[in-house]
Amino acid sequence: MRKTLTLILITIITIGLICALVNYIPMDGFPFAWSLNFLLMLCVVAFIEALKNQLKSSYYNQKGWERNGKIYEQIGINGFRKLLVWIGWERLNKKSNPVERNIKSLTDLHHQTKKSELGHLIILLIVLGFNIFVALKFGILQSLWLLLLNILLNLYPILLQRYNRPRIERAINLSKRR
């Protein structure tokens, strides 16, 4: 019961913050797109942490067309990884979440990729809704910032998690054999 109330409260607060954002920042520019994405990141992290779900869905399993990550490499996932290193995200992330060479640490990292993917997927869908609304109300050109930031801040991170998870699974399996 407490978990449900917490999730409802987080959702209500998120809706209120989005309404405030819509009222104070014009929806057809970069400041709104940037603010919306980061506001949603904060709220979704709180939501997923409160959810405390094991994320066992078959959605997270590697699909046949994803084997070996070739599709992700073709659409530029390695360039995105280099961008994360260049802006310092990798160093910051490794400093705050160091990965040790043991099964527990790898299992935690594996679960973290699922949580991260779920969070980015939720944000992607919400921002996509705003993107469509802004495109219809203000025009496609005014919605480009929402689209570009949604791809960069949400779609590529989802793809990166899906690219990395099978590699982490292989490392876990190798560790179990030893």
Protein backbone atom coordinates (compact mmCIF):
# COMPACT_ATOMS: atom_id res chain seq x y z
CA MET A 1 0.00 0.00 0.00
CA ARG A 2 2.80 2.40 0.93
CA LYS A 3 4.63 1.66 -2.34
CA THR A 4 1.48 2.37 -4.35
CA LEU A 5 0.92 5.67 -2.55
CA THR A 6 4.55 6.65 -3.13
CA LEU A 7 4.26 5.89 -6.85
CA ILE A 8 1.02 7.87 -7.10
CA LEU A 9 2.59 10.80 -5.24
CA ILE A 10 5.64 10.80 -7.52
CA THR A 11 3.33 10.75 -10.56
CA ILE A 12 1.23 13.66 -9.23
CA ILE A 13 4.34 15.70 -8.42
CA THR A 14 5.74 14.97 -11.90
CA ILE A 15 2.52 16.11 -13.57
CA GLY A 16 2.52 19.28 -11.46
CA LEU A 17 6.14 20.05 -12.33
CA ILE A 18 5.45 19.48 -16.04
CA CYS A 19 2.43 21.82 -15.85
CA ALA A 20 4.63 24.48 -14.24
CA LEU A 21 7.26 23.96 -16.94
CA VAL A 22 4.65 24.33 -19.68
CA ASN A 23 3.38 27.56 -18.09
CA TYR A 24 6.78 29.20 -17.62
CA ILE A 25 8.84 28.12 -20.64
CA PRO A 26 7.63 28.32 -24.26
CA MET A 27 7.22 24.78 -25.59
CA ASP A 28 8.71 25.47 -29.01
CA GLY A 29 12.39 25.91 -28.16
CA PHE A 30 15.56 24.39 -26.81
CA PRO A 31 15.09 25.55 -23.16
CA PHE A 32 11.79 23.66 -22.89
CA ALA A 33 13.15 20.51 -24.55
CA TRP A 34 16.22 20.48 -22.30
CA SER A 35 14.26 21.25 -19.13
CA LEU A 36 11.57 18.67 -19.89
CA ASN A 37 14.11 15.91 -20.43
CA PHE A 38 16.02 16.61 -17.24
CA LEU A 39 12.89 17.14 -15.16
CA LEU A 40 11.61 13.79 -16.36
CA MET A 41 14.97 12.15 -15.66
CA LEU A 42 14.79 13.24 -12.02
CA CYS A 43 11.18 12.16 -11.61
CA VAL A 44 11.57 8.85 -13.43
CA VAL A 45 14.63 7.91 -11.37
CA ALA A 46 12.56 8.48 -8.22
CA PHE A 47 9.67 6.48 -9.71
CA ILE A 48 11.83 3.49 -10.70
CA GLU A 49 13.64 3.43 -7.36
CA ALA A 50 10.28 3.42 -5.56
CA LEU A 51 8.99 0.72 -7.92
CA LYS A 52 11.60 -1.78 -6.66
CA ASN A 53 10.76 -4.20 -9.46
CA GLN A 54 13.07 -7.07 -10.45
CA LEU A 55 12.43 -6.30 -14.15
CA LYS A 56 12.21 -9.96 -15.20
CA SER A 57 10.15 -9.26 -18.35
CA SER A 58 11.15 -11.01 -21.57
CA TYR A 59 11.34 -7.52 -23.09
CA TYR A 60 14.84 -7.22 -21.61
CA ASN A 61 16.08 -10.43 -23.25
CA GLN A 62 18.19 -10.14 -26.37
CA LYS A 63 16.15 -10.60 -29.55
CA GLY A 64 17.31 -12.53 -32.60
CA TRP A 65 17.83 -9.41 -34.69
CA GLU A 66 20.04 -7.93 -31.95
CA ARG A 67 22.57 -10.78 -31.93
CA ASN A 68 26.18 -9.57 -31.64
CA GLY A 69 25.02 -5.92 -31.62
CA LYS A 70 25.66 -5.42 -35.34
CA ILE A 71 22.44 -3.44 -35.83
CA TYR A 72 23.46 -1.05 -33.05
CA GLU A 73 26.92 -0.62 -34.51
CA GLN A 74 25.37 0.21 -37.89
CA ILE A 75 23.26 2.99 -36.41
CA GLY A 76 26.21 4.58 -34.61
CA ILE A 77 26.24 3.23 -31.06
CA ASN A 78 30.05 3.29 -30.97
CA GLY A 79 30.00 6.99 -31.93
CA PHE A 80 27.56 7.62 -29.09
CA ARG A 81 29.86 5.74 -26.70
CA LYS A 82 32.77 7.94 -27.82
CA LEU A 83 30.60 11.03 -27.24
CA LEU A 84 29.91 9.88 -23.67
CA VAL A 85 33.65 9.48 -23.07
CA TRP A 86 34.39 12.86 -24.68
CA ILE A 87 31.89 14.77 -22.49
CA GLY A 88 33.14 12.97 -19.36
CA TRP A 89 29.99 10.96 -18.64
CA GLU A 90 31.85 7.63 -18.54
CA ARG A 91 34.38 8.89 -15.99
CA LEU A 92 31.65 10.43 -13.83
CA ASN A 93 29.53 7.29 -14.04
CA LYS A 94 32.42 4.96 -13.19
CA LYS A 95 33.43 7.15 -10.26
CA SER A 96 29.92 7.11 -8.76
CA ASN A 97 29.17 3.47 -9.69
CA PRO A 98 32.43 1.51 -9.77
CA VAL A 99 32.21 -2.02 -11.14
CA GLU A 100 34.28 -4.64 -9.39
CA ARG A 101 35.27 -7.91 -11.00
CA ASN A 102 32.88 -10.20 -9.16
CA ILE A 103 29.52 -11.78 -9.90
CA LYS A 104 27.53 -9.62 -7.47
CA SER A 105 28.86 -6.41 -8.98
CA LEU A 106 28.19 -7.63 -12.52
CA THR A 107 24.69 -8.77 -11.55
CA ASP A 108 23.99 -5.34 -10.04
CA LEU A 109 25.27 -3.68 -13.22
CA HIS A 110 23.06 -5.99 -15.30
CA HIS A 111 20.01 -4.97 -13.24
CA GLN A 112 21.04 -1.30 -13.47
CA THR A 113 21.01 -1.52 -17.29
CA LYS A 114 17.39 -2.69 -17.10
CA LYS A 115 16.42 0.15 -14.75
CA SER A 116 18.20 2.68 -16.95
CA GLU A 117 16.54 1.33 -20.08
CA LEU A 118 13.10 1.44 -18.47
CA GLY A 119 13.65 5.01 -17.31
CA HIS A 120 14.80 6.20 -20.71
CA LEU A 121 11.92 4.35 -22.38
CA ILE A 122 9.35 6.09 -20.15
CA ILE A 123 10.94 9.48 -20.84
CA LEU A 124 11.19 8.74 -24.58
CA LEU A 125 7.46 8.07 -24.77
CA ILE A 126 6.47 11.13 -22.73
CA VAL A 127 8.76 13.44 -24.72
CA LEU A 128 7.49 11.87 -27.95
CA GLY A 129 3.97 12.86 -26.90
CA PHE A 130 5.13 16.44 -26.32
CA ASN A 131 7.03 16.31 -29.62
CA ILE A 132 3.89 15.38 -31.55
CA PHE A 133 1.84 18.03 -29.72
CA VAL A 134 4.39 20.78 -30.43
CA ALA A 135 4.70 19.70 -34.08
CA LEU A 136 0.92 19.90 -34.53
CA LYS A 137 0.46 23.16 -32.61
CA PHE A 138 3.59 25.13 -33.57
CA GLY A 139 4.97 23.29 -36.60
CA ILE A 140 7.55 20.64 -37.27
CA LEU A 141 10.51 23.03 -37.16
CA GLN A 142 9.61 24.18 -33.65
CA SER A 143 9.49 20.57 -32.48
CA LEU A 144 12.98 19.68 -33.74
CA TRP A 145 14.71 20.37 -30.40
CA LEU A 146 12.36 17.94 -28.69
CA LEU A 147 13.05 15.34 -31.35
CA LEU A 148 16.83 15.80 -31.39
CA LEU A 149 17.19 15.76 -27.61
CA ASN A 150 14.84 12.81 -27.34
CA ILE A 151 17.04 10.84 -29.73
CA LEU A 152 20.26 11.89 -28.02
CA LEU A 153 19.16 11.72 -24.39
CA ASN A 154 16.75 8.78 -24.52
CA LEU A 155 16.80 6.65 -27.68
CA TYR A 156 20.57 6.18 -27.86
CA PRO A 157 20.87 5.42 -24.13
CA ILE A 158 18.19 2.72 -24.58
CA LEU A 159 20.13 1.28 -27.50
CA LEU A 160 23.35 1.43 -25.47
CA GLN A 161 21.78 -0.55 -22.62
CA ARG A 162 20.51 -3.16 -25.07
CA TYR A 163 23.98 -3.27 -26.67
CA ASN A 164 25.82 -3.65 -23.35
CA ARG A 165 23.52 -6.09 -21.51
CA PRO A 166 24.48 -9.23 -23.53
CA ARG A 167 28.14 -8.46 -22.92
CA ILE A 168 27.52 -8.18 -19.19
CA GLU A 169 25.58 -11.48 -19.30
CA ARG A 170 28.56 -13.17 -20.97
CA ALA A 171 30.88 -11.77 -18.28
CA ILE A 172 28.54 -13.09 -15.56
CA ASN A 173 28.43 -16.53 -17.19
CA LEU A 174 32.23 -16.60 -17.49
CA SER A 175 32.58 -15.62 -13.83
CA LYS A 176 30.20 -18.38 -12.76
CA ARG A 177 32.25 -20.99 -14.63
CA ARG A 178 35.41 -19.98 -12.80
